[in-house]
Amino acid sequence: METLQKVALGLNIVGALNWALVGLFDFNLVTAIFGADSVLTNVIYVLIGICGAINIGILFMHLNHE
């Protein structure tokens, strides 16, 4: 599970950096690479959302160690 969370966290960081680009420069890296209406773009957004759900567990990790 730890490896899954690390991979998910890495994808969430990439997603966060993409949002920073959108906010600062109005530039979406995902749509620039894969196209605005691409199925692959939607898959990437869904994967990053799933990774966010997986990483919710990180918020509660300290509760499991007590």
C-alpha atoms as a PDB file:
ATOM      1  CA  MET A   1       0.000   0.000   0.000  1.00  0.00           C
ATOM      2  CA  GLU A   2       2.891   2.353   0.698  1.00  0.00           C
ATOM      3  CA  THR A   3       4.117   2.136  -2.909  1.00  0.00           C
ATOM      4  CA  LEU A   4       0.615   2.861  -4.205  1.00  0.00           C
ATOM      5  CA  GLN A   5       0.371   5.932  -2.001  1.00  0.00           C
ATOM      6  CA  LYS A   6       3.751   7.203  -3.170  1.00  0.00           C
ATOM      7  CA  VAL A   7       2.785   6.810  -6.822  1.00  0.00           C
ATOM      8  CA  ALA A   8      -0.565   8.464  -6.128  1.00  0.00           C
ATOM      9  CA  LEU A   9       1.150  11.292  -4.267  1.00  0.00           C
ATOM     10  CA  GLY A  10       3.510  11.826  -7.189  1.00  0.00           C
ATOM     11  CA  LEU A  11       0.583  12.126  -9.593  1.00  0.00           C
ATOM     12  CA  ASN A  12      -1.171  14.517  -7.212  1.00  0.00           C
ATOM     13  CA  ILE A  13       1.932  16.701  -7.142  1.00  0.00           C
ATOM     14  CA  VAL A  14       1.946  16.774 -10.944  1.00  0.00           C
ATOM     15  CA  GLY A  15      -1.743  17.716 -10.863  1.00  0.00           C
ATOM     16  CA  ALA A  16      -1.080  20.458  -8.331  1.00  0.00           C
ATOM     17  CA  LEU A  17       1.723  21.883 -10.444  1.00  0.00           C
ATOM     18  CA  ASN A  18      -0.612  21.855 -13.441  1.00  0.00           C
ATOM     19  CA  TRP A  19      -3.162  23.852 -11.441  1.00  0.00           C
ATOM     20  CA  ALA A  20      -0.418  26.304 -10.483  1.00  0.00           C
ATOM     21  CA  LEU A  21       0.334  26.793 -14.175  1.00  0.00           C
ATOM     22  CA  VAL A  22      -3.358  27.350 -14.877  1.00  0.00           C
ATOM     23  CA  GLY A  23      -3.659  29.883 -12.071  1.00  0.00           C
ATOM     24  CA  LEU A  24      -0.476  31.787 -12.769  1.00  0.00           C
ATOM     25  CA  PHE A  25      -0.189  31.697 -16.536  1.00  0.00           C
ATOM     26  CA  ASP A  26      -3.573  30.413 -17.799  1.00  0.00           C
ATOM     27  CA  PHE A  27      -1.665  27.466 -19.295  1.00  0.00           C
ATOM     28  CA  ASN A  28      -2.914  23.895 -18.916  1.00  0.00           C
ATOM     29  CA  LEU A  29      -0.022  21.516 -19.514  1.00  0.00           C
ATOM     30  CA  VAL A  30      -2.220  18.417 -19.803  1.00  0.00           C
ATOM     31  CA  THR A  31      -4.372  19.886 -22.565  1.00  0.00           C
ATOM     32  CA  ALA A  32      -1.286  21.326 -24.261  1.00  0.00           C
ATOM     33  CA  ILE A  33       0.267  17.855 -24.461  1.00  0.00           C
ATOM     34  CA  PHE A  34      -2.786  15.683 -25.128  1.00  0.00           C
ATOM     35  CA  GLY A  35      -5.388  18.087 -26.543  1.00  0.00           C
ATOM     36  CA  ALA A  36      -8.427  19.725 -24.990  1.00  0.00           C
ATOM     37  CA  ASP A  37     -11.020  17.175 -26.129  1.00  0.00           C
ATOM     38  CA  SER A  38      -8.823  14.074 -25.970  1.00  0.00           C
ATOM     39  CA  VAL A  39      -9.987  10.938 -24.226  1.00  0.00           C
ATOM     40  CA  LEU A  40      -6.474  10.614 -22.808  1.00  0.00           C
ATOM     41  CA  THR A  41      -6.803  14.051 -21.184  1.00  0.00           C
ATOM     42  CA  ASN A  42      -9.989  12.930 -19.445  1.00  0.00           C
ATOM     43  CA  VAL A  43      -8.324   9.687 -18.343  1.00  0.00           C
ATOM     44  CA  ILE A  44      -5.435  11.651 -16.822  1.00  0.00           C
ATOM     45  CA  TYR A  45      -7.834  13.922 -14.931  1.00  0.00           C
ATOM     46  CA  VAL A  46      -9.742  10.881 -13.618  1.00  0.00           C
ATOM     47  CA  LEU A  47      -6.491   9.163 -12.564  1.00  0.00           C
ATOM     48  CA  ILE A  48      -5.357  12.254 -10.670  1.00  0.00           C
ATOM     49  CA  GLY A  49      -8.757  12.411  -8.952  1.00  0.00           C
ATOM     50  CA  ILE A  50      -8.504   8.751  -7.946  1.00  0.00           C
ATOM     51  CA  CYS A  51      -5.000   9.398  -6.642  1.00  0.00           C
ATOM     52  CA  GLY A  52      -6.385  12.220  -4.531  1.00  0.00           C
ATOM     53  CA  ALA A  53      -8.919   9.823  -3.027  1.00  0.00           C
ATOM     54  CA  ILE A  54      -6.165   7.294  -2.315  1.00  0.00           C
ATOM     55  CA  ASN A  55      -4.081   9.944  -0.593  1.00  0.00           C
ATOM     56  CA  ILE A  56      -6.872  10.904   1.783  1.00  0.00           C
ATOM     57  CA  GLY A  57      -5.486   8.039   3.849  1.00  0.00           C
ATOM     58  CA  ILE A  58      -2.294  10.029   4.423  1.00  0.00           C
ATOM     59  CA  LEU A  59      -4.314  12.492   6.498  1.00  0.00           C
ATOM     60  CA  PHE A  60      -5.275   9.728   8.896  1.00  0.00           C
ATOM     61  CA  MET A  61      -1.995   7.766   9.020  1.00  0.00           C
ATOM     62  CA  HIS A  62      -1.009   9.162  12.406  1.00  0.00           C
ATOM     63  CA  LEU A  63      -4.230   7.784  13.905  1.00  0.00           C
ATOM     64  CA  ASN A  64      -3.238   4.235  12.934  1.00  0.00           C
ATOM     65  CA  HIS A  65       0.136   4.471  14.694  1.00  0.00           C
ATOM     66  CA  GLU A  66      -1.260   5.402  18.100  1.00  0.00           C
END
